[in-house]
Each structure stands twice: as structure tokens, then as C-alpha cells.
PDB file of N, CA and C in Angstrom:
ATOM      1  N   MET A   1     150.147  92.040 161.825  1.00  0.00           N
ATOM      2  CA  MET A   1     148.768  92.630 161.294  1.00  0.00           C
ATOM      3  C   MET A   1     147.603  91.524 161.892  1.00  0.00           C
ATOM      4  N   LYS A   2     146.535  92.237 162.460  1.00  0.00           N
ATOM      5  CA  LYS A   2     145.647  91.512 162.876  1.00  0.00           C
ATOM      6  C   LYS A   2     144.297  91.654 161.446  1.00  0.00           C
ATOM      7  N   LEU A   3     144.104  89.980 161.388  1.00  0.00           N
ATOM      8  CA  LEU A   3     142.001  89.982 160.596  1.00  0.00           C
ATOM      9  C   LEU A   3     141.093  89.729 161.349  1.00  0.00           C
ATOM     10  N   PRO A   4     140.386  89.773 160.251  1.00  0.00           N
ATOM     11  CA  PRO A   4     138.476  89.590 161.265  1.00  0.00           C
ATOM     12  C   PRO A   4     138.882  88.170 161.635  1.00  0.00           C
ATOM     13  N   GLU A   5     137.705  87.890 163.013  1.00  0.00           N
ATOM     14  CA  GLU A   5     137.959  86.739 163.342  1.00  0.00           C
ATOM     15  C   GLU A   5     137.118  85.954 162.521  1.00  0.00           C
ATOM     16  N   ILE A   6     137.030  86.359 161.575  1.00  0.00           N
ATOM     17  CA  ILE A   6     136.183  84.678 160.998  1.00  0.00           C
ATOM     18  C   ILE A   6     137.750  84.544 159.638  1.00  0.00           C
ATOM     19  N   PHE A   7     138.984  84.724 159.483  1.00  0.00           N
ATOM     20  CA  PHE A   7     139.568  84.505 158.167  1.00  0.00           C
ATOM     21  C   PHE A   7     140.774  84.106 159.728  1.00  0.00           C
ATOM     22  N   ALA A   8     141.086  84.814 161.217  1.00  0.00           N
ATOM     23  CA  ALA A   8     141.867  83.852 162.207  1.00  0.00           C
ATOM     24  C   ALA A   8     141.498  83.326 162.779  1.00  0.00           C
ATOM     25  N   SER A   9     140.661  83.003 162.816  1.00  0.00           N
ATOM     26  CA  SER A   9     139.944  81.444 163.769  1.00  0.00           C
ATOM     27  C   SER A   9     140.640  80.676 163.552  1.00  0.00           C
ATOM     28  N   PRO A  10     140.662  79.719 164.697  1.00  0.00           N
ATOM     29  CA  PRO A  10     142.154  78.560 165.775  1.00  0.00           C
ATOM     30  C   PRO A  10     141.898  77.810 164.389  1.00  0.00           C
ATOM     31  N   ALA A  11     140.744  76.499 163.960  1.00  0.00           N
ATOM     32  CA  ALA A  11     140.889  75.696 162.834  1.00  0.00           C
ATOM     33  C   ALA A  11     141.484  76.589 162.006  1.00  0.00           C
ATOM     34  N   ASN A  12     141.874  77.584 161.049  1.00  0.00           N
ATOM     35  CA  ASN A  12     142.749  77.900 160.137  1.00  0.00           C
ATOM     36  C   ASN A  12     144.148  77.984 160.115  1.00  0.00           C
ATOM     37  N   VAL A  13     144.768  77.989 161.150  1.00  0.00           N
ATOM     38  CA  VAL A  13     146.236  77.693 161.489  1.00  0.00           C
ATOM     39  C   VAL A  13     146.635  76.790 161.765  1.00  0.00           C
ATOM     40  N   ARG A  14     148.018  77.264 160.682  1.00  0.00           N
ATOM     41  CA  ARG A  14     149.054  76.313 160.437  1.00  0.00           C
ATOM     42  C   ARG A  14     150.146  75.707 161.200  1.00  0.00           C
ATOM     43  N   THR A  15     150.206  74.968 161.779  1.00  0.00           N
ATOM     44  CA  THR A  15     151.659  74.916 162.131  1.00  0.00           C
ATOM     45  C   THR A  15     152.658  74.122 161.090  1.00  0.00           C
ATOM     46  N   VAL A  16     154.281  75.497 161.392  1.00  0.00           N
ATOM     47  CA  VAL A  16     154.978  74.691 160.760  1.00  0.00           C
ATOM     48  C   VAL A  16     156.684  74.392 160.957  1.00  0.00           C
ATOM     49  N   LEU A  17     156.845  73.550 160.618  1.00  0.00           N
ATOM     50  CA  LEU A  17     158.107  72.605 161.227  1.00  0.00           C
ATOM     51  C   LEU A  17     158.969  73.348 161.199  1.00  0.00           C
ATOM     52  N   GLN A  18     160.412  73.875 162.120  1.00  0.00           N
ATOM     53  CA  GLN A  18     161.012  74.573 162.146  1.00  0.00           C
ATOM     54  C   GLN A  18     162.382  74.278 160.610  1.00  0.00           C
ATOM     55  N   GLY A  19     162.328  74.977 159.730  1.00  0.00           N
ATOM     56  CA  GLY A  19     163.885  74.459 158.834  1.00  0.00           C
ATOM     57  C   GLY A  19     162.680  73.570 157.859  1.00  0.00           C
ATOM     58  N   THR A  20     160.858  73.650 157.840  1.00  0.00           N
ATOM     59  CA  THR A  20     159.777  72.700 156.733  1.00  0.00           C
ATOM     60  C   THR A  20     160.245  73.923 155.743  1.00  0.00           C
ATOM     61  N   PRO A  21     159.958  73.612 154.341  1.00  0.00           N
ATOM     62  CA  PRO A  21     159.837  74.671 153.064  1.00  0.00           C
ATOM     63  C   PRO A  21     158.250  74.527 153.174  1.00  0.00           C
ATOM     64  N   ILE A  22     157.956  76.502 153.069  1.00  0.00           N
ATOM     65  CA  ILE A  22     156.422  76.783 153.462  1.00  0.00           C
ATOM     66  C   ILE A  22     156.146  77.064 151.695  1.00  0.00           C
ATOM     67  N   PHE A  23     156.746  77.109 150.586  1.00  0.00           N
ATOM     68  CA  PHE A  23     157.042  77.133 149.609  1.00  0.00           C
ATOM     69  C   PHE A  23     158.327  77.697 148.508  1.00  0.00           C
ATOM     70  N   ASN A  24     158.302  77.829 147.407  1.00  0.00           N
ATOM     71  CA  ASN A  24     159.270  77.357 146.699  1.00  0.00           C
ATOM     72  C   ASN A  24     159.379  78.080 145.915  1.00  0.00           C
ATOM     73  N   ILE A  25     160.655  78.613 145.168  1.00  0.00           N
ATOM     74  CA  ILE A  25     160.408  79.568 143.438  1.00  0.00           C
ATOM     75  C   ILE A  25     159.359  78.885 143.068  1.00  0.00           C
ATOM     76  N   GLY A  26     158.954  79.276 142.052  1.00  0.00           N
ATOM     77  CA  GLY A  26     158.249  78.685 141.113  1.00  0.00           C
ATOM     78  C   GLY A  26     156.760  77.631 141.029  1.00  0.00           C
ATOM     79  N   ASP A  27     156.635  77.699 142.593  1.00  0.00           N
ATOM     80  CA  ASP A  27     155.340  77.372 143.281  1.00  0.00           C
ATOM     81  C   ASP A  27     153.908  77.826 143.109  1.00  0.00           C
ATOM     82  N   ASP A  28     153.394  77.437 142.279  1.00  0.00           N
ATOM     83  CA  ASP A  28     152.118  77.682 142.328  1.00  0.00           C
ATOM     84  C   ASP A  28     151.847  78.595 143.149  1.00  0.00           C
ATOM     85  N   SER A  29     150.461  80.472 143.247  1.00  0.00           N
ATOM     86  CA  SER A  29     149.763  81.010 144.638  1.00  0.00           C
ATOM     87  C   SER A  29     148.826  80.719 144.863  1.00  0.00           C
ATOM     88  N   GLY A  30     148.706  80.634 146.416  1.00  0.00           N
ATOM     89  CA  GLY A  30     147.255  80.352 146.130  1.00  0.00           C
ATOM     90  C   GLY A  30     147.012  81.446 147.271  1.00  0.00           C
ATOM     91  N   GLU A  31     148.149  81.313 148.149  1.00  0.00           N
ATOM     92  CA  GLU A  31     147.786  81.836 149.838  1.00  0.00           C
ATOM     93  C   GLU A  31     149.277  83.062 149.646  1.00  0.00           C
ATOM     94  N   MET A  32     148.789  83.792 150.502  1.00  0.00           N
ATOM     95  CA  MET A  32     149.474  84.402 151.991  1.00  0.00           C
ATOM     96  C   MET A  32     149.791  84.034 153.148  1.00  0.00           C
ATOM     97  N   TYR A  33     150.375  84.306 153.769  1.00  0.00           N
ATOM     98  CA  TYR A  33     150.206  83.795 155.098  1.00  0.00           C
ATOM     99  C   TYR A  33     150.348  85.171 156.107  1.00  0.00           C
ATOM    100  N   VAL A  34     150.124  85.238 157.512  1.00  0.00           N
ATOM    101  CA  VAL A  34     150.092  86.136 158.180  1.00  0.00           C
ATOM    102  C   VAL A  34     151.039  85.154 159.598  1.00  0.00           C
ATOM    103  N   VAL A  35     151.912  85.924 160.302  1.00  0.00           N
ATOM    104  CA  VAL A  35     152.680  84.907 161.756  1.00  0.00           C
ATOM    105  C   VAL A  35     152.751  85.074 161.977  1.00  0.00           C
ATOM    106  N   GLN A  36     152.050  84.337 162.882  1.00  0.00           N
ATOM    107  CA  GLN A  36     150.941  83.835 164.308  1.00  0.00           C
ATOM    108  C   GLN A  36     151.864  84.083 165.726  1.00  0.00           C
ATOM    109  N   SER A  37     153.132  83.477 165.299  1.00  0.00           N
ATOM    110  CA  SER A  37     154.179  82.973 165.881  1.00  0.00           C
ATOM    111  C   SER A  37     155.449  82.634 165.341  1.00  0.00           C
ATOM    112  N   GLY A  38     156.387  82.465 165.541  1.00  0.00           N
ATOM    113  CA  GLY A  38     157.400  82.072 164.730  1.00  0.00           C
ATOM    114  C   GLY A  38     158.624  82.967 163.904  1.00  0.00           C
ATOM    115  N   GLU A  39     159.781  82.167 163.383  1.00  0.00           N
ATOM    116  CA  GLU A  39     159.728  83.823 162.476  1.00  0.00           C
ATOM    117  C   GLU A  39     159.693  82.423 161.097  1.00  0.00           C
ATOM    118  N   VAL A  40     159.604  83.329 160.155  1.00  0.00           N
ATOM    119  CA  VAL A  40     159.888  82.800 158.684  1.00  0.00           C
ATOM    120  C   VAL A  40     161.241  83.348 157.691  1.00  0.00           C
ATOM    121  N   ASP A  41     161.821  82.868 157.471  1.00  0.00           N
ATOM    122  CA  ASP A  41     162.743  83.486 156.353  1.00  0.00           C
ATOM    123  C   ASP A  41     162.728  83.544 154.704  1.00  0.00           C
ATOM    124  N   ILE A  42     163.226  84.194 154.443  1.00  0.00           N
ATOM    125  CA  ILE A  42     162.461  84.779 153.137  1.00  0.00           C
ATOM    126  C   ILE A  42     163.694  84.493 151.912  1.00  0.00           C
ATOM    127  N   LEU A  43     163.960  83.506 151.224  1.00  0.00           N
ATOM    128  CA  LEU A  43     165.018  83.965 150.097  1.00  0.00           C
ATOM    129  C   LEU A  43     165.069  83.706 148.624  1.00  0.00           C
ATOM    130  N   ILE A  44     166.207  84.382 148.118  1.00  0.00           N
ATOM    131  CA  ILE A  44     165.790  84.057 147.293  1.00  0.00           C
ATOM    132  C   ILE A  44     167.831  83.880 146.047  1.00  0.00           C
ATOM    133  N   ASN A  45     167.434  83.265 145.350  1.00  0.00           N
ATOM    134  CA  ASN A  45     168.860  82.220 145.366  1.00  0.00           C
ATOM    135  C   ASN A  45     170.179  81.915 146.265  1.00  0.00           C
ATOM    136  N   GLY A  46     168.885  80.639 147.507  1.00  0.00           N
ATOM    137  CA  GLY A  46     169.435  80.881 148.607  1.00  0.00           C
ATOM    138  C   GLY A  46     170.456  81.603 149.499  1.00  0.00           C
ATOM    139  N   VAL A  47     170.210  82.784 149.658  1.00  0.00           N
ATOM    140  CA  VAL A  47     170.351  83.859 150.234  1.00  0.00           C
ATOM    141  C   VAL A  47     168.696  83.978 150.972  1.00  0.00           C
ATOM    142  N   VAL A  48     168.677  84.475 152.465  1.00  0.00           N
ATOM    143  CA  VAL A  48     167.981  85.625 152.742  1.00  0.00           C
ATOM    144  C   VAL A  48     167.973  87.270 152.913  1.00  0.00           C
ATOM    145  N   VAL A  49     165.965  87.131 151.847  1.00  0.00           N
ATOM    146  CA  VAL A  49     166.695  88.581 152.035  1.00  0.00           C
ATOM    147  C   VAL A  49     165.791  89.280 153.506  1.00  0.00           C
ATOM    148  N   GLU A  50     165.600  88.509 153.843  1.00  0.00           N
ATOM    149  CA  GLU A  50     163.677  89.172 155.004  1.00  0.00           C
ATOM    150  C   GLU A  50     163.957  88.250 155.799  1.00  0.00           C
ATOM    151  N   THR A  51     163.340  88.293 156.956  1.00  0.00           N
ATOM    152  CA  THR A  51     162.920  87.475 158.165  1.00  0.00           C
ATOM    153  C   THR A  51     161.419  88.403 158.283  1.00  0.00           C
ATOM    154  N   VAL A  52     160.594  87.404 158.634  1.00  0.00           N
ATOM    155  CA  VAL A  52     159.183  88.134 158.955  1.00  0.00           C
ATOM    156  C   VAL A  52     159.091  87.425 160.296  1.00  0.00           C
ATOM    157  N   PHE A  53     158.586  88.151 161.160  1.00  0.00           N
ATOM    158  CA  PHE A  53     158.145  87.697 162.609  1.00  0.00           C
ATOM    159  C   PHE A  53     156.521  88.030 162.876  1.00  0.00           C
ATOM    160  N   PRO A  54     156.914  87.674 164.290  1.00  0.00           N
ATOM    161  CA  PRO A  54     154.859  87.309 164.696  1.00  0.00           C
ATOM    162  C   PRO A  54     154.370  89.436 164.427  1.00  0.00           C
ATOM    163  N   GLU A  55     152.973  89.179 163.709  1.00  0.00           N
ATOM    164  CA  GLU A  55     152.612  89.829 162.812  1.00  0.00           C
ATOM    165  C   GLU A  55     152.389  90.590 161.891  1.00  0.00           C
ATOM    166  N   GLY A  56     153.549  89.506 161.191  1.00  0.00           N
ATOM    167  CA  GLY A  56     154.637  89.741 159.516  1.00  0.00           C
ATOM    168  C   GLY A  56     153.629  89.507 159.030  1.00  0.00           C
ATOM    169  N   PHE A  57     153.570  89.373 157.319  1.00  0.00           N
ATOM    170  CA  PHE A  57     153.664  88.734 156.390  1.00  0.00           C
ATOM    171  C   PHE A  57     154.444  89.004 155.217  1.00  0.00           C
ATOM    172  N   PHE A  58     153.646  87.405 154.601  1.00  0.00           N
ATOM    173  CA  PHE A  58     154.528  87.443 153.241  1.00  0.00           C
ATOM    174  C   PHE A  58     153.148  86.374 152.392  1.00  0.00           C
ATOM    175  N   GLY A  59     153.947  86.479 150.842  1.00  0.00           N
ATOM    176  CA  GLY A  59     153.424  85.880 150.037  1.00  0.00           C
ATOM    177  C   GLY A  59     152.417  86.631 149.220  1.00  0.00           C
ATOM    178  N   GLU A  60     152.258  87.924 150.282  1.00  0.00           N
ATOM    179  CA  GLU A  60     151.054  88.206 148.854  1.00  0.00           C
ATOM    180  C   GLU A  60     151.908  88.605 147.272  1.00  0.00           C
ATOM    181  N   ILE A  61     153.261  89.163 147.106  1.00  0.00           N
ATOM    182  CA  ILE A  61     152.998  89.698 145.746  1.00  0.00           C
ATOM    183  C   ILE A  61     152.396  88.408 145.367  1.00  0.00           C
ATOM    184  N   ALA A  62     153.041  87.305 144.904  1.00  0.00           N
ATOM    185  CA  ALA A  62     151.954  85.975 143.643  1.00  0.00           C
ATOM    186  C   ALA A  62     150.606  86.003 143.759  1.00  0.00           C
ATOM    187  N   LEU A  63     150.030  86.216 145.498  1.00  0.00           N
ATOM    188  CA  LEU A  63     148.632  87.026 145.089  1.00  0.00           C
ATOM    189  C   LEU A  63     148.549  87.830 143.776  1.00  0.00           C
ATOM    190  N   ILE A  64     149.054  88.883 144.881  1.00  0.00           N
ATOM    191  CA  ILE A  64     148.487  89.969 143.441  1.00  0.00           C
ATOM    192  C   ILE A  64     148.984  89.957 142.506  1.00  0.00           C
ATOM    193  N   GLU A  65     149.723  89.233 141.472  1.00  0.00           N
ATOM    194  CA  GLU A  65     150.366  89.099 140.403  1.00  0.00           C
ATOM    195  C   GLU A  65     149.438  87.882 140.208  1.00  0.00           C
ATOM    196  N   GLU A  66     149.275  87.951 140.915  1.00  0.00           N
ATOM    197  CA  GLU A  66     148.590  86.066 140.251  1.00  0.00           C
ATOM    198  C   GLU A  66     149.453  85.195 139.671  1.00  0.00           C
ATOM    199  N   SER A  67     150.879  85.782 139.911  1.00  0.00           N
ATOM    200  CA  SER A  67     152.321  84.329 139.285  1.00  0.00           C
ATOM    201  C   SER A  67     152.492  83.607 140.369  1.00  0.00           C
ATOM    202  N   VAL A  68     153.481  82.554 139.715  1.00  0.00           N
ATOM    203  CA  VAL A  68     154.456  82.202 140.834  1.00  0.00           C
ATOM    204  C   VAL A  68     154.633  83.010 141.821  1.00  0.00           C
ATOM    205  N   ARG A  69     155.481  81.605 142.542  1.00  0.00           N
ATOM    206  CA  ARG A  69     156.448  82.580 143.664  1.00  0.00           C
ATOM    207  C   ARG A  69     157.311  83.042 143.388  1.00  0.00           C
ATOM    208  N   SER A  70     158.199  84.005 144.014  1.00  0.00           N
ATOM    209  CA  SER A  70     159.294  84.578 143.607  1.00  0.00           C
ATOM    210  C   SER A  70     160.739  84.363 144.200  1.00  0.00           C
ATOM    211  N   ALA A  71     159.783  83.901 145.130  1.00  0.00           N
ATOM    212  CA  ALA A  71     161.033  83.374 146.401  1.00  0.00           C
ATOM    213  C   ALA A  71     161.199  82.014 146.944  1.00  0.00           C
ATOM    214  N   ASP A  72     161.823  81.168 147.956  1.00  0.00           N
ATOM    215  CA  ASP A  72     160.873  80.459 148.868  1.00  0.00           C
ATOM    216  C   ASP A  72     160.680  80.949 150.286  1.00  0.00           C
ATOM    217  N   ALA A  73     160.297  80.111 150.890  1.00  0.00           N
ATOM    218  CA  ALA A  73     159.920  81.271 152.934  1.00  0.00           C
ATOM    219  C   ALA A  73     159.838  79.251 153.791  1.00  0.00           C
ATOM    220  N   ILE A  74     161.061  79.401 153.780  1.00  0.00           N
ATOM    221  CA  ILE A  74     161.162  78.588 154.988  1.00  0.00           C
ATOM    222  C   ILE A  74     161.065  79.132 156.727  1.00  0.00           C
ATOM    223  N   ALA A  75     160.980  77.947 157.259  1.00  0.00           N
ATOM    224  CA  ALA A  75     160.135  78.487 158.730  1.00  0.00           C
ATOM    225  C   ALA A  75     161.106  77.801 159.697  1.00  0.00           C
ATOM    226  N   ARG A  76     161.939  79.641 159.946  1.00  0.00           N
ATOM    227  CA  ARG A  76     163.160  79.203 161.033  1.00  0.00           C
ATOM    228  C   ARG A  76     162.586  79.071 162.251  1.00  0.00           C
ATOM    229  N   THR A  77     162.273  78.829 162.444  1.00  0.00           N
ATOM    230  CA  THR A  77     161.838  78.270 163.750  1.00  0.00           C
ATOM    231  C   THR A  77     160.977  77.823 163.666  1.00  0.00           C
ATOM    232  N   ASP A  78     159.476  77.415 164.797  1.00  0.00           N
ATOM    233  CA  ASP A  78     158.660  75.989 165.100  1.00  0.00           C
ATOM    234  C   ASP A  78     157.425  78.064 164.163  1.00  0.00           C
ATOM    235  N   CYS A  79     156.725  76.704 163.896  1.00  0.00           N
ATOM    236  CA  CYS A  79     156.150  78.736 163.493  1.00  0.00           C
ATOM    237  C   CYS A  79     153.852  78.612 163.652  1.00  0.00           C
ATOM    238  N   LYS A  80     153.132  79.188 163.416  1.00  0.00           N
ATOM    239  CA  LYS A  80     152.227  79.141 163.900  1.00  0.00           C
ATOM    240  C   LYS A  80     151.705  80.643 162.427  1.00  0.00           C
ATOM    241  N   LEU A  81     151.063  80.076 161.199  1.00  0.00           N
ATOM    242  CA  LEU A  81     150.504  80.736 160.167  1.00  0.00           C
ATOM    243  C   LEU A  81     149.298  80.728 159.438  1.00  0.00           C
ATOM    244  N   LEU A  82     148.758  81.622 159.747  1.00  0.00           N
ATOM    245  CA  LEU A  82     147.222  82.079 159.258  1.00  0.00           C
ATOM    246  C   LEU A  82     147.391  82.219 157.546  1.00  0.00           C
ATOM    247  N   PRO A  83     146.799  81.427 157.238  1.00  0.00           N
ATOM    248  CA  PRO A  83     147.014  81.533 155.722  1.00  0.00           C
ATOM    249  C   PRO A  83     145.936  81.978 154.274  1.00  0.00           C
ATOM    250  N   VAL A  84     145.838  83.310 153.939  1.00  0.00           N
ATOM    251  CA  VAL A  84     144.809  84.027 153.164  1.00  0.00           C
ATOM    252  C   VAL A  84     144.955  83.691 151.664  1.00  0.00           C
ATOM    253  N   ASN A  85     144.457  82.980 151.218  1.00  0.00           N
ATOM    254  CA  ASN A  85     143.887  82.882 149.474  1.00  0.00           C
ATOM    255  C   ASN A  85     143.689  83.785 149.157  1.00  0.00           C
ATOM    256  N   ARG A  86     143.862  84.045 148.534  1.00  0.00           N
ATOM    257  CA  ARG A  86     142.864  85.378 147.284  1.00  0.00           C
ATOM    258  C   ARG A  86     141.563  85.562 147.177  1.00  0.00           C
ATOM    259  N   HIS A  87     140.608  84.919 147.479  1.00  0.00           N
ATOM    260  CA  HIS A  87     139.335  85.278 148.367  1.00  0.00           C
ATOM    261  C   HIS A  87     139.200  86.330 148.906  1.00  0.00           C
ATOM    262  N   HIS A  88     139.771  85.630 150.124  1.00  0.00           N
ATOM    263  CA  HIS A  88     139.317  86.467 151.242  1.00  0.00           C
ATOM    264  C   HIS A  88     140.680  88.310 150.370  1.00  0.00           C
ATOM    265  N   PHE A  89     141.721  87.783 150.659  1.00  0.00           N
ATOM    266  CA  PHE A  89     142.882  88.266 149.821  1.00  0.00           C
ATOM    267  C   PHE A  89     141.729  90.235 149.546  1.00  0.00           C
ATOM    268  N   LEU A  90     141.167  89.448 148.447  1.00  0.00           N
ATOM    269  CA  LEU A  90     140.697  90.634 147.145  1.00  0.00           C
ATOM    270  C   LEU A  90     139.108  91.137 148.652  1.00  0.00           C
ATOM    271  N   TYR A  91     138.490  89.763 149.480  1.00  0.00           N
ATOM    272  CA  TYR A  91     137.409  90.179 149.855  1.00  0.00           C
ATOM    273  C   TYR A  91     138.418  91.512 150.863  1.00  0.00           C
ATOM    274  N   MET A  92     139.290  91.569 151.697  1.00  0.00           N
ATOM    275  CA  MET A  92     140.410  92.055 152.442  1.00  0.00           C
ATOM    276  C   MET A  92     140.573  93.447 152.447  1.00  0.00           C
ATOM    277  N   VAL A  93     141.224  94.161 151.166  1.00  0.00           N
ATOM    278  CA  VAL A  93     141.090  95.109 149.991  1.00  0.00           C
ATOM    279  C   VAL A  93     139.860  95.709 149.693  1.00  0.00           C
ATOM    280  N   ASP A  94     139.192  94.604 149.284  1.00  0.00           N
ATOM    281  CA  ASP A  94     137.455  95.655 149.079  1.00  0.00           C
ATOM    282  C   ASP A  94     136.842  96.223 150.278  1.00  0.00           C
ATOM    283  N   GLU A  95     136.797  95.958 151.400  1.00  0.00           N
ATOM    284  CA  GLU A  95     135.994  96.161 152.129  1.00  0.00           C
ATOM    285  C   GLU A  95     136.782  96.261 153.976  1.00  0.00           C
ATOM    286  N   MET A  96     137.965  96.474 153.804  1.00  0.00           N
ATOM    287  CA  MET A  96     139.581  97.435 154.654  1.00  0.00           C
ATOM    288  C   MET A  96     139.926  97.881 153.773  1.00  0.00           C
ATOM    289  N   PRO A  97     139.359  99.346 153.995  1.00  0.00           N
ATOM    290  CA  PRO A  97     141.059 100.097 153.561  1.00  0.00           C
ATOM    291  C   PRO A  97     143.076 100.016 154.082  1.00  0.00           C
ATOM    292  N   GLN A  98     142.118  99.620 155.442  1.00  0.00           N
ATOM    293  CA  GLN A  98     143.208 100.426 156.598  1.00  0.00           C
ATOM    294  C   GLN A  98     144.285  98.658 156.382  1.00  0.00           C
ATOM    295  N   PHE A  99     143.613  97.587 155.184  1.00  0.00           N
ATOM    296  CA  PHE A  99     144.550  96.562 155.209  1.00  0.00           C
ATOM    297  C   PHE A  99     145.265  96.901 154.015  1.00  0.00           C
ATOM    298  N   ALA A 100     144.228  97.614 152.485  1.00  0.00           N
ATOM    299  CA  ALA A 100     145.312  96.981 151.326  1.00  0.00           C
ATOM    300  C   ALA A 100     146.231  98.099 151.630  1.00  0.00           C
ATOM    301  N   LEU A 101     146.705  99.334 152.514  1.00  0.00           N
ATOM    302  CA  LEU A 101     147.004 100.460 152.970  1.00  0.00           C
ATOM    303  C   LEU A 101     148.408  99.332 154.281  1.00  0.00           C
ATOM    304  N   HIS A 102     148.315  98.534 154.876  1.00  0.00           N
ATOM    305  CA  HIS A 102     148.855  97.253 155.433  1.00  0.00           C
ATOM    306  C   HIS A 102     149.752  96.591 155.036  1.00  0.00           C
ATOM    307  N   ILE A 103     148.892  96.046 153.691  1.00  0.00           N
ATOM    308  CA  ILE A 103     150.560  96.058 152.095  1.00  0.00           C
ATOM    309  C   ILE A 103     151.141  96.577 151.882  1.00  0.00           C
ATOM    310  N   MET A 104     150.703  97.409 151.537  1.00  0.00           N
ATOM    311  CA  MET A 104     151.257  99.374 150.173  1.00  0.00           C
ATOM    312  C   MET A 104     152.632  98.924 151.142  1.00  0.00           C
ATOM    313  N   LYS A 105     152.197  99.104 153.111  1.00  0.00           N
ATOM    314  CA  LYS A 105     153.653  99.845 153.124  1.00  0.00           C
ATOM    315  C   LYS A 105     154.535  99.066 153.824  1.00  0.00           C
ATOM    316  N   GLY A 106     154.226  97.789 154.145  1.00  0.00           N
ATOM    317  CA  GLY A 106     155.140  96.821 153.813  1.00  0.00           C
ATOM    318  C   GLY A 106     156.153  96.305 152.565  1.00  0.00           C
ATOM    319  N   MET A 107     155.142  96.207 151.072  1.00  0.00           N
ATOM    320  CA  MET A 107     156.121  95.870 150.180  1.00  0.00           C
ATOM    321  C   MET A 107     157.133  97.104 149.924  1.00  0.00           C
ATOM    322  N   ALA A 108     156.677  98.722 150.702  1.00  0.00           N
ATOM    323  CA  ALA A 108     157.526  99.133 150.534  1.00  0.00           C
ATOM    324  C   ALA A 108     158.776  99.501 151.198  1.00  0.00           C
ATOM    325  N   ASP A 109     158.848  99.084 152.467  1.00  0.00           N
ATOM    326  CA  ASP A 109     159.531  98.791 153.038  1.00  0.00           C
ATOM    327  C   ASP A 109     160.784  97.684 152.686  1.00  0.00           C
ATOM    328  N   ARG A 110     159.365  96.477 151.815  1.00  0.00           N
ATOM    329  CA  ARG A 110     160.590  95.535 151.266  1.00  0.00           C
ATOM    330  C   ARG A 110     161.661  96.352 150.672  1.00  0.00           C
ATOM    331  N   LEU A 111     161.019  97.507 149.083  1.00  0.00           N
ATOM    332  CA  LEU A 111     161.077  98.043 148.329  1.00  0.00           C
ATOM    333  C   LEU A 111     162.705  98.085 148.901  1.00  0.00           C
ATOM    334  N   ARG A 112     162.497  99.364 149.800  1.00  0.00           N
ATOM    335  CA  ARG A 112     163.028  99.847 150.244  1.00  0.00           C
ATOM    336  C   ARG A 112     165.181  99.165 150.861  1.00  0.00           C
ATOM    337  N   LYS A 113     163.986  97.810 151.588  1.00  0.00           N
ATOM    338  CA  LYS A 113     165.338  97.363 152.498  1.00  0.00           C
ATOM    339  C   LYS A 113     166.130  96.267 151.067  1.00  0.00           C
ATOM    340  N   ALA A 114     164.851  96.423 150.054  1.00  0.00           N
ATOM    341  CA  ALA A 114     166.339  95.528 148.882  1.00  0.00           C
ATOM    342  C   ALA A 114     167.186  96.622 147.816  1.00  0.00           C
ATOM    343  N   ASP A 115     166.429  97.672 147.848  1.00  0.00           N
ATOM    344  CA  ASP A 115     167.046  99.282 147.044  1.00  0.00           C
ATOM    345  C   ASP A 115     168.574  99.876 148.629  1.00  0.00           C
ATOM    346  N   LYS A 116     168.489  98.966 149.101  1.00  0.00           N
ATOM    347  CA  LYS A 116     170.085  99.208 150.391  1.00  0.00           C
ATOM    348  C   LYS A 116     170.811  98.598 149.973  1.00  0.00           C
ATOM    349  N   ARG A 117     170.683  97.418 150.059  1.00  0.00           N
ATOM    350  CA  ARG A 117     171.001  95.697 149.260  1.00  0.00           C
ATOM    351  C   ARG A 117     171.982  96.073 148.618  1.00  0.00           C
ATOM    352  N   ALA A 118     171.086  96.636 147.790  1.00  0.00           N
ATOM    353  CA  ALA A 118     172.058  96.160 145.740  1.00  0.00           C
ATOM    354  C   ALA A 118     172.959  97.498 146.025  1.00  0.00           C
ATOM    355  N   GLU A 119     172.794  98.662 146.410  1.00  0.00           N
ATOM    356  CA  GLU A 119     173.904  99.936 146.225  1.00  0.00           C
ATOM    357  C   GLU A 119     175.302  99.183 147.216  1.00  0.00           C
ATOM    358  N   VAL A 120     175.323  97.817 147.329  1.00  0.00           N
ATOM    359  CA  VAL A 120     176.347  97.743 148.970  1.00  0.00           C
ATOM    360  C   VAL A 120     177.080  96.668 147.859  1.00  0.00           C
TER     361      VAL A 120
END
């Protein structure tokens, strides 16, 4: 996902080492993340339900719902992450319709994958 340069400046990028939790289930939310490099595992009840790769995103549900985290996120490899806080998220949804569509598509893809896992 490409973000406006003001949000994607190198000063905003966070480096997270392999095996480091990014957030845990039940944590307060405040940011979603875009993966610039590396891989992040999303776990529910200790089971990896998704691996997020570069240009992918995670953590958006808690921002949308203004709720606590519903999963754990752990760096599968060393990562560079770009945090997007609620203020910036709402700005991009309001000002950049393509951003909102990208988020909705990503969420729809996750729902489809979850439905397929439930069928097994």
C-alpha cells in the first residue's frame, strides 16, 4: 500500500526484530501498520491465521471499531513497519477514496479466507 509521503517518511518507520510482538490480543489500539519490509504473523489463540507481507497492512479493525486488539501480531522476520494512527487513517479515508477501497478489499479477502478455514 502506498501512502502519502508525509505519512511514509523514514522518520515514521519502526524497525521490529524477528520474534518481537507488535501487539497482543486485548491491547488498546491506536495504530494500524503497513509492512514496508519483512513479514508479520497474525495469530488467534496461538494459531497463525495470516502472514502479512510487504505493502500489506494489519491492525485496521481495531481502528475502525475503536476497540481492543482481536489478535496477536508478531514479527516473523525483521520488519520495517509504518504506523498509521487513527487521525491519519480517518484523513486518508476521507480524502483518498482509493485508500478506503484498498482497506475494504483487504478486509473482504481476510473474511473469505476465514470462511474457507472454517469449512475445513
